Protein backbone atom coordinates (compact mmCIF):
# COMPACT_ATOMS: atom_id res chain seq x y z
CA MET A 1 67.91 107.31 96.60
CA ASN A 2 71.43 107.29 98.10
CA ASP A 3 70.52 104.34 100.31
CA LEU A 4 69.24 102.44 97.31
CA ASN A 5 72.42 103.19 95.35
CA SER A 6 74.67 102.09 98.18
CA ALA A 7 72.74 98.81 98.40
CA GLN A 8 73.34 97.98 94.75
CA PRO A 9 75.53 94.91 94.13
CA ARG A 10 79.06 95.83 93.12
CA ARG A 11 79.64 96.04 89.37
CA VAL A 12 83.19 96.40 88.00
CA ALA A 13 84.21 96.40 84.37
CA HIS A 14 87.55 95.79 82.69
CA LEU A 15 87.94 97.38 79.24
CA ASP A 16 90.72 96.03 77.04
CA MET A 17 91.43 97.44 73.59
CA ASP A 18 91.65 94.78 70.86
CA ALA A 19 95.19 94.35 69.44
CA PHE A 20 95.58 98.02 70.30
CA PHE A 21 98.81 99.07 68.58
CA ALA A 22 98.06 97.02 65.47
CA SER A 23 94.49 98.35 65.31
CA ALA A 24 95.75 101.93 65.54
CA GLU A 25 98.02 101.22 62.59
CA LEU A 26 95.18 99.70 60.57
CA LEU A 27 93.31 103.00 60.91
CA ARG A 28 96.27 104.63 59.19
CA TYR A 29 96.76 101.83 56.67
CA PRO A 30 93.26 100.38 55.98
CA GLN A 31 94.65 98.44 53.01
CA LEU A 32 96.28 96.09 55.56
CA LYS A 33 92.94 94.93 57.01
CA ASP A 34 92.74 91.15 57.50
CA LEU A 35 96.45 90.74 56.67
CA PRO A 36 99.11 89.50 59.10
CA VAL A 37 100.77 92.62 60.49
CA VAL A 38 103.48 92.82 63.16
CA ILE A 39 104.42 95.93 65.15
CA GLY A 40 107.99 96.07 66.46
CA GLY A 41 111.62 96.76 65.72
CA SER A 42 112.55 100.41 65.18
CA MET A 43 110.62 103.21 66.80
CA GLY A 44 109.42 106.54 65.50
CA ALA A 45 109.89 105.96 61.75
CA LYS A 46 107.80 108.36 59.70
CA THR A 47 105.87 107.43 56.58
CA GLU A 48 108.49 109.10 54.38
CA ASP A 49 111.26 107.06 56.02
CA LEU A 50 109.34 103.81 56.05
CA PHE A 51 108.59 103.95 52.35
CA SER A 52 111.81 105.48 51.08
CA LEU A 53 111.97 102.51 48.72
CA ILE A 54 109.19 104.14 46.73
CA LEU A 55 111.37 107.12 45.88
CA LYS A 56 114.20 104.86 44.79
CA SER A 57 112.13 102.62 42.55
CA GLU A 58 109.50 105.09 41.39
CA PRO A 59 110.87 108.65 41.80
CA GLU A 60 107.79 110.18 40.19
CA TRP A 61 105.50 108.69 42.84
CA ASP A 62 105.18 111.19 45.68
CA ASP A 63 101.74 110.46 47.18
CA PHE A 64 102.62 109.56 50.77
CA ARG A 65 99.05 109.52 51.99
CA PRO A 66 99.07 106.32 54.07
CA HIS A 67 95.91 104.80 52.62
CA LYS A 68 97.26 105.27 49.09
CA ILE A 69 100.50 103.32 49.54
CA PRO A 70 100.47 100.07 47.49
CA LEU A 71 100.91 96.81 49.40
CA ARG A 72 104.10 95.94 47.52
CA PHE A 73 105.96 98.78 49.23
CA PHE A 74 105.29 97.67 52.80
CA PRO A 75 108.32 96.05 54.49
CA ARG A 76 107.99 92.31 55.14
CA LEU A 77 109.03 90.37 58.20
CA SER A 78 111.21 88.12 56.05
CA ASP A 79 113.46 91.10 55.23
CA TYR A 80 114.12 92.02 58.85
CA ILE A 81 117.63 91.58 60.23
CA GLY A 82 118.15 92.51 63.86
CA ARG A 83 117.31 91.66 67.43
CA GLY A 84 114.07 93.54 67.96
CA VAL A 85 110.98 91.98 69.44
CA ILE A 86 107.28 92.09 68.61
CA THR A 87 105.24 94.65 70.51
CA THR A 88 101.93 93.34 69.18
CA ALA A 89 100.43 91.64 66.14
CA THR A 90 97.08 91.54 64.36
CA TYR A 91 94.81 88.57 64.93
CA ALA A 92 95.63 87.39 61.40
CA ALA A 93 99.31 87.20 62.35
CA ARG A 94 98.57 85.46 65.65
CA GLN A 95 97.07 82.55 63.75
CA PHE A 96 100.62 81.70 62.67
CA GLY A 97 101.84 81.51 66.27
CA VAL A 98 103.29 85.03 66.20
CA GLY A 99 102.82 87.00 69.41
CA SER A 100 104.01 89.77 71.71
CA ALA A 101 107.58 89.63 73.08
CA MET A 102 108.66 87.15 70.40
CA GLY A 103 111.88 87.94 68.56
CA LEU A 104 111.26 89.30 65.08
CA MET A 105 113.76 86.89 63.53
CA LYS A 106 111.92 83.95 65.08
CA ALA A 107 108.56 85.35 63.97
CA ALA A 108 109.90 85.68 60.42
CA LYS A 109 110.26 81.89 60.28
CA LEU A 110 106.65 81.43 61.31
CA CYS A 111 105.11 84.10 59.08
CA PRO A 112 107.66 85.52 56.64
CA ASP A 113 105.06 87.40 54.56
CA ALA A 114 103.75 89.36 57.56
CA ILE A 115 104.01 93.13 57.15
CA LEU A 116 106.36 94.79 59.65
CA LEU A 117 105.58 98.29 60.94
CA PRO A 118 107.60 100.37 63.41
CA VAL A 119 106.32 101.24 66.87
CA ASP A 120 104.70 104.69 67.05
CA PHE A 121 104.06 105.36 70.74
CA GLU A 122 103.00 108.96 70.19
CA ARG A 123 100.11 107.72 68.06
CA TYR A 124 99.16 105.04 70.59
CA ARG A 125 99.23 107.48 73.50
CA HIS A 126 96.89 109.76 71.57
CA PHE A 127 94.32 107.00 71.07
CA SER A 128 94.82 105.79 74.65
CA GLN A 129 93.98 109.17 76.12
CA LEU A 130 91.02 109.55 73.76
CA MET A 131 89.68 106.18 74.91
CA LYS A 132 90.08 107.04 78.60
CA ASP A 133 88.49 110.45 78.24
CA THR A 134 85.55 108.80 76.44
CA VAL A 135 85.04 106.25 79.22
CA ALA A 136 85.34 108.90 81.96
CA GLU A 137 82.49 110.91 80.45
CA ILE A 138 80.15 107.94 80.88
CA ALA A 139 81.53 106.30 84.03
CA PRO A 140 83.89 108.70 85.86
CA VAL A 141 85.37 106.23 88.36
CA ILE A 142 88.10 104.58 86.29
CA GLU A 143 91.52 103.16 87.09
CA ASP A 144 94.28 103.50 84.52
CA ALA A 145 95.81 100.04 84.02
CA GLY A 146 97.99 100.78 80.99
CA LEU A 147 97.86 102.28 77.52
CA ASP A 148 95.17 99.88 76.36
CA GLU A 149 93.12 98.97 79.43
CA VAL A 150 91.13 100.48 82.30
CA TYR A 151 89.04 99.25 85.21
CA ILE A 152 85.68 100.96 85.62
CA ASP A 153 83.44 101.07 88.70
CA PHE A 154 79.92 100.66 87.29
CA THR A 155 78.19 100.31 90.65
CA ASN A 156 76.50 103.73 90.90
CA VAL A 157 76.31 104.61 87.21
CA PRO A 158 72.69 105.04 86.05
CA GLY A 159 71.50 102.11 83.98
CA VAL A 160 74.03 99.61 85.34
CA GLN A 161 71.20 97.37 86.57
CA ARG A 162 70.11 96.51 83.04
CA LYS A 163 71.30 93.05 82.08
CA GLY A 164 73.84 93.07 84.89
CA GLY A 165 75.86 95.85 83.29
CA HIS A 166 75.81 94.51 79.72
CA THR A 167 73.77 97.46 78.44
CA LEU A 168 76.10 100.02 79.96
CA ALA A 169 79.14 98.13 78.67
CA ARG A 170 77.65 98.21 75.19
CA VAL A 171 77.12 101.98 75.40
CA ILE A 172 80.78 102.44 76.35
CA GLN A 173 81.96 100.03 73.67
CA MET A 174 80.02 101.79 70.93
CA THR A 175 81.07 105.26 72.11
CA VAL A 176 84.76 104.27 72.19
CA LEU A 177 84.38 102.91 68.64
CA SER A 178 82.69 106.12 67.50
CA ASN A 179 85.32 108.41 69.06
CA THR A 180 88.46 106.41 68.25
CA GLY A 181 87.58 104.09 65.37
CA LEU A 182 88.90 101.21 67.49
CA THR A 183 87.18 98.21 69.03
CA CYS A 184 87.47 97.01 72.62
CA SER A 185 86.34 94.07 74.72
CA ILE A 186 84.67 94.54 78.10
CA GLY A 187 84.19 92.17 80.99
CA VAL A 188 81.70 92.94 83.76
CA ALA A 189 81.80 91.19 87.14
CA PRO A 190 81.42 91.76 90.89
CA ASN A 191 85.16 92.57 91.23
CA LYS A 192 88.32 93.52 89.34
CA LEU A 193 89.77 90.01 89.37
CA LEU A 194 86.82 88.45 87.56
CA ALA A 195 86.23 91.48 85.33
CA LYS A 196 89.72 91.16 83.84
CA MET A 197 89.20 87.47 83.13
CA ALA A 198 85.75 88.18 81.66
CA SER A 199 87.18 90.70 79.18
CA GLU A 200 89.17 87.86 77.59
CA MET A 201 86.17 85.59 77.14
CA HIS A 202 84.69 87.09 73.95
CA LYS A 203 87.59 88.81 72.17
CA PRO A 204 87.68 90.72 69.93
CA ASN A 205 84.88 93.31 70.22
CA GLY A 206 83.01 91.29 72.81
CA ILE A 207 81.17 91.81 76.09
CA PHE A 208 80.92 89.17 78.79
CA VAL A 209 79.10 89.46 82.10
CA LEU A 210 80.45 87.07 84.72
CA GLU A 211 78.68 86.42 88.02
CA LEU A 212 80.04 84.67 91.09
CA THR A 213 77.66 81.82 90.33
CA ASP A 214 79.45 81.41 86.95
CA VAL A 215 82.89 80.83 88.44
CA GLU A 216 82.59 77.05 88.51
CA LYS A 217 81.47 76.90 84.87
CA TYR A 218 83.78 79.45 83.24
CA ILE A 219 86.75 79.98 85.59
CA TRP A 220 87.50 76.63 87.19
CA PRO A 221 88.35 74.82 83.92
CA LEU A 222 91.05 77.41 83.12
CA PRO A 223 94.78 76.89 83.80
CA CYS A 224 95.94 78.64 86.96
CA ARG A 225 98.16 80.97 84.91
CA LYS A 226 95.03 82.61 83.43
CA MET A 227 94.36 84.39 86.71
CA ASN A 228 96.02 87.77 87.10
CA GLY A 229 98.40 87.46 90.04
CA ILE A 230 99.57 83.90 89.36
CA GLY A 231 102.94 84.21 87.65
CA PRO A 232 105.22 81.64 86.01
CA LYS A 233 107.01 80.68 89.25
CA SER A 234 103.77 80.21 91.18
CA GLU A 235 102.29 78.22 88.31
CA GLU A 236 105.36 75.98 88.22
CA LYS A 237 105.08 75.30 91.93
CA LEU A 238 101.34 74.61 91.66
CA ILE A 239 101.96 72.10 88.85
CA LYS A 240 104.59 70.33 90.96
CA LEU A 241 101.93 70.07 93.67
CA GLY A 242 99.56 68.51 91.15
CA ILE A 243 97.38 71.63 90.72
CA ARG A 244 96.85 72.67 87.10
CA THR A 245 93.42 74.28 86.92
CA LEU A 246 91.73 76.95 89.00
CA GLY A 247 89.06 74.40 89.90
CA GLU A 248 91.70 72.13 91.39
CA LEU A 249 93.14 75.13 93.24
CA ALA A 250 89.72 76.00 94.64
CA GLN A 251 89.34 72.50 96.08
CA GLN A 252 92.51 72.72 98.19
CA ASP A 253 92.53 73.24 101.92
CA PRO A 254 93.23 76.97 102.54
CA PHE A 255 95.52 76.25 105.49
CA TRP A 256 97.56 73.84 103.37
CA LEU A 257 97.92 76.54 100.69
CA MET A 258 99.12 78.99 103.32
CA GLN A 259 101.73 76.47 104.45
CA GLN A 260 102.94 76.05 100.88
CA PHE A 261 102.83 79.67 99.71
CA GLY A 262 102.86 81.76 102.84
CA LYS A 263 99.95 83.11 104.85
CA VAL A 264 99.07 86.11 102.70
CA TYR A 265 99.58 84.66 99.21
CA GLY A 266 98.16 81.27 100.14
CA ALA A 267 94.97 82.89 101.39
CA TRP A 268 94.82 85.04 98.28
CA LEU A 269 95.13 81.96 96.04
CA TYR A 270 92.23 80.25 97.78
CA GLU A 271 89.94 83.30 97.75
CA SER A 272 90.79 84.19 94.15
CA ALA A 273 90.13 80.67 92.89
CA HIS A 274 86.60 81.11 94.29
CA GLY A 275 86.26 84.47 92.52
CA ARG A 276 86.35 86.53 95.69
CA ASN A 277 88.20 89.87 95.61
CA ASN A 278 87.68 93.27 97.23
CA ASP A 279 90.38 95.38 95.53
CA PRO A 280 89.02 98.89 94.94
CA VAL A 281 88.94 100.69 91.62
CA ILE A 282 91.37 103.54 92.26
CA SER A 283 90.32 106.52 90.18
CA ARG A 284 93.04 108.26 88.17
CA GLY A 285 95.94 106.84 90.18
CA GLU A 286 99.21 108.78 90.24
CA PRO A 287 102.08 107.20 88.24
CA VAL A 288 104.96 105.75 90.25
CA ASN A 289 107.54 106.58 87.60
CA MET A 290 107.96 107.41 83.95
CA SER A 291 110.59 105.94 81.64
CA ARG A 292 111.92 105.65 78.13
CA GLU A 293 114.21 102.90 76.82
CA THR A 294 115.39 101.32 73.59
CA THR A 295 116.94 98.03 72.51
CA PHE A 296 119.74 98.40 69.97
CA GLU A 297 119.83 96.58 66.64
CA ARG A 298 123.39 95.54 67.57
CA ASP A 299 125.44 95.74 70.78
CA LEU A 300 126.96 99.20 71.26
CA HIS A 301 130.19 99.81 73.14
CA PRO A 302 130.31 102.96 75.34
CA SER A 303 133.74 103.92 73.96
CA ARG A 304 133.80 102.67 70.41
CA ASP A 305 130.19 103.69 69.72
CA ARG A 306 130.22 106.97 71.63
CA GLU A 307 128.96 108.96 68.64
CA THR A 308 125.98 106.63 68.32
CA LEU A 309 125.17 106.29 72.02
CA GLY A 310 125.34 110.02 72.77
CA PRO A 311 122.41 111.04 70.53
CA ILE A 312 120.41 108.02 71.68
CA LEU A 313 120.81 109.06 75.33
CA SER A 314 119.87 112.64 74.47
CA GLN A 315 116.78 111.52 72.56
CA LEU A 316 115.60 109.29 75.41
CA CYS A 317 116.00 112.15 77.89
CA GLU A 318 114.22 114.62 75.62
CA ARG A 319 111.28 112.26 75.07
CA LEU A 320 111.08 111.50 78.78
CA SER A 321 111.16 115.21 79.55
CA GLN A 322 108.29 115.79 77.12
CA ASP A 323 106.32 112.95 78.74
CA LEU A 324 106.71 114.64 82.11
CA VAL A 325 105.67 118.02 80.71
CA ASN A 326 102.62 116.53 78.96
CA LYS A 327 101.48 114.78 82.16
CA GLY A 328 102.29 117.71 84.46
CA TYR A 329 104.99 116.07 86.59
CA LEU A 330 108.46 116.76 87.90
CA GLY A 331 110.76 114.11 89.38
CA ARG A 332 113.61 114.08 91.84
CA THR A 333 115.08 110.62 91.25
CA ILE A 334 116.76 109.99 87.90
CA GLY A 335 117.84 106.48 86.97
CA ILE A 336 119.23 104.44 84.10
CA ARG A 337 118.77 100.84 83.10
CA VAL A 338 121.21 98.96 80.92
CA ARG A 339 121.29 95.43 79.58
CA TYR A 340 124.60 93.95 78.51
CA GLY A 341 125.14 91.63 75.60
CA ASN A 342 124.81 88.61 77.88
CA PHE A 343 121.32 89.88 78.95
CA GLN A 344 122.50 90.89 82.43
CA SER A 345 120.57 94.01 83.51
CA LEU A 346 121.66 96.74 85.92
CA THR A 347 119.98 99.89 87.28
CA ARG A 348 121.51 102.94 88.91
CA ASP A 349 119.85 106.13 90.14
CA ILE A 350 120.51 109.36 91.99
CA THR A 351 118.20 111.80 93.79
CA LEU A 352 118.47 115.48 93.03
CA ALA A 353 118.03 118.34 95.48
CA LEU A 354 115.07 119.68 93.52
CA PRO A 355 112.56 118.01 91.19
CA THR A 356 112.86 118.61 87.44
CA ASN A 357 111.44 117.88 84.02
CA ASP A 358 114.27 119.64 82.17
CA PRO A 359 115.88 117.41 79.48
CA GLN A 360 119.40 118.65 80.11
CA THR A 361 119.14 118.10 83.84
CA ILE A 362 117.80 114.60 83.24
CA ARG A 363 120.61 113.89 80.79
CA HIS A 364 123.29 115.16 83.19
CA ALA A 365 121.93 112.95 85.97
CA ALA A 366 121.66 109.94 83.65
CA ARG A 367 125.31 110.36 82.65
CA ARG A 368 126.29 110.43 86.32
CA CYS A 369 124.44 107.15 86.76
CA LEU A 370 126.18 105.65 83.73
CA ARG A 371 129.55 106.36 85.28
CA ARG A 372 128.66 103.94 88.08
CA ILE A 373 128.39 100.91 85.80
CA ASP A 374 130.92 98.80 83.91
CA LEU A 375 131.47 100.70 80.67
CA ALA A 376 134.04 98.27 79.32
CA ARG A 377 131.24 95.98 78.15
CA SER A 378 128.91 96.40 75.19
CA LEU A 379 125.29 97.36 75.79
CA ARG A 380 122.16 95.81 74.30
CA LEU A 381 119.62 98.16 75.90
CA LEU A 382 119.63 101.64 77.43
CA GLY A 383 116.83 103.24 79.38
CA VAL A 384 116.22 106.39 81.45
CA ARG A 385 113.69 106.61 84.29
CA VAL A 386 112.33 109.42 86.48
CA SER A 387 110.63 108.59 89.79
CA ASN A 388 109.76 110.32 93.06
CA LEU A 389 107.24 112.34 91.03
CA GLN A 390 105.58 115.56 92.13
CA SER A 391 103.00 117.90 90.64
CA ALA A 392 104.57 120.48 88.33
CA GLU A 393 102.09 123.11 89.54
CA ASP A 394 103.68 123.22 93.00
CA GLN A 395 107.30 122.67 92.09
CA PHE A 396 107.96 124.30 88.73
CA GLN A 397 109.80 127.34 90.05
CA ALA A 398 112.05 125.18 92.20
CA SER A 399 112.92 122.99 89.19
CA LEU A 400 114.14 126.03 87.24
CA LYS A 401 116.84 126.63 89.85
CA ASN A 402 118.04 123.10 89.39
CA SER A 403 117.99 122.99 85.58
CA ASN A 404 121.58 124.16 85.19
CA GLU A 405 123.11 121.65 87.58
CA GLY A 406 126.73 121.01 86.54
CA ASP A 407 128.26 117.71 85.61
CA GLN A 408 132.01 118.12 86.15
CA GLY A 409 133.76 114.81 85.81
CA ILE A 410 130.70 113.12 84.31
CA LEU A 411 131.20 110.62 81.51
CA ASP A 412 130.45 112.31 78.17
CA LEU A 413 128.51 110.14 75.74
CA GLY A 414 128.28 112.87 73.16
């Protein structure tokens, strides 16, 4: 039986949650179904804060159950003033040209009546973990690719042979829906590269099985940018060379591509355009770092806005500390990231003697990093990052010794 299993053709799936953040919000607010909804702007607002207008206009109304809140009380995109960006949007909002990473003020011009909800990462992480645990029970070899997506090695899972993996994908899709209330799209292919592209073919709530023999029909007509691994700069260069589609890329001489893009990347471009890829599905990969950051509604000056920046820094460090505790990690390298008003970004970090997940230690280290940047200029963004991660099980006692590390001479932001 083992010999037969090892001889099975490789089957890899890519599962991508459909409009994940927005869909998680629609579970909370089902009255918003089929309406244009945008997620972005402020983070962590609670229902009571979000709908404080209700108390002002109708003091006797105190039913804050999310599904009971009338539509007229939801904030609209047209009322937003600030510099936040969209995290995600429902499919109804996307029909107006609204999309991820777009400024909220710009989006308001395209779809002013869209409902604006704050980002709630704690809720999204809950559903993300629930989805991944659900998948792992059916197909245990999975690779975490973000909050809303995973790669799954189907190859040796019983039943994968049926319809080329479509049947197994359907089982996973229905189980995820049952356990989370959320839909997902799944692509199945001989490798990760094609599986990711296949998961986009029948969105939302779709399944698409893509074989190597289908590459010419389904992949070659696509723009080069549609392939994961071809970024904006590479696409720009390809266009200058007269190559716009993956089919045109596949027809190029591989040695010419290596001359133009370098030996490794040029070879990768040629092989990928033909749908060939051997990247393994790495089960439960260890995170490289963990971070928290926020973009301010207005530029904040380190001196004039000290009373505002101090609590923000503390909150970022506390949330990052909790992330580390929840995931069972300690880190030795603490860093900060800032973005000035002119969009210039800088990072600074330091490495501690012992790993930690203590919020005060992280905050002290972050303040030391802040002292190494130009604090005479206003800031648009502030972030804190912990890297050089280690298992908390092995290092917890050592981190306790480091938790009271002093910060004499460190800039005090509150």
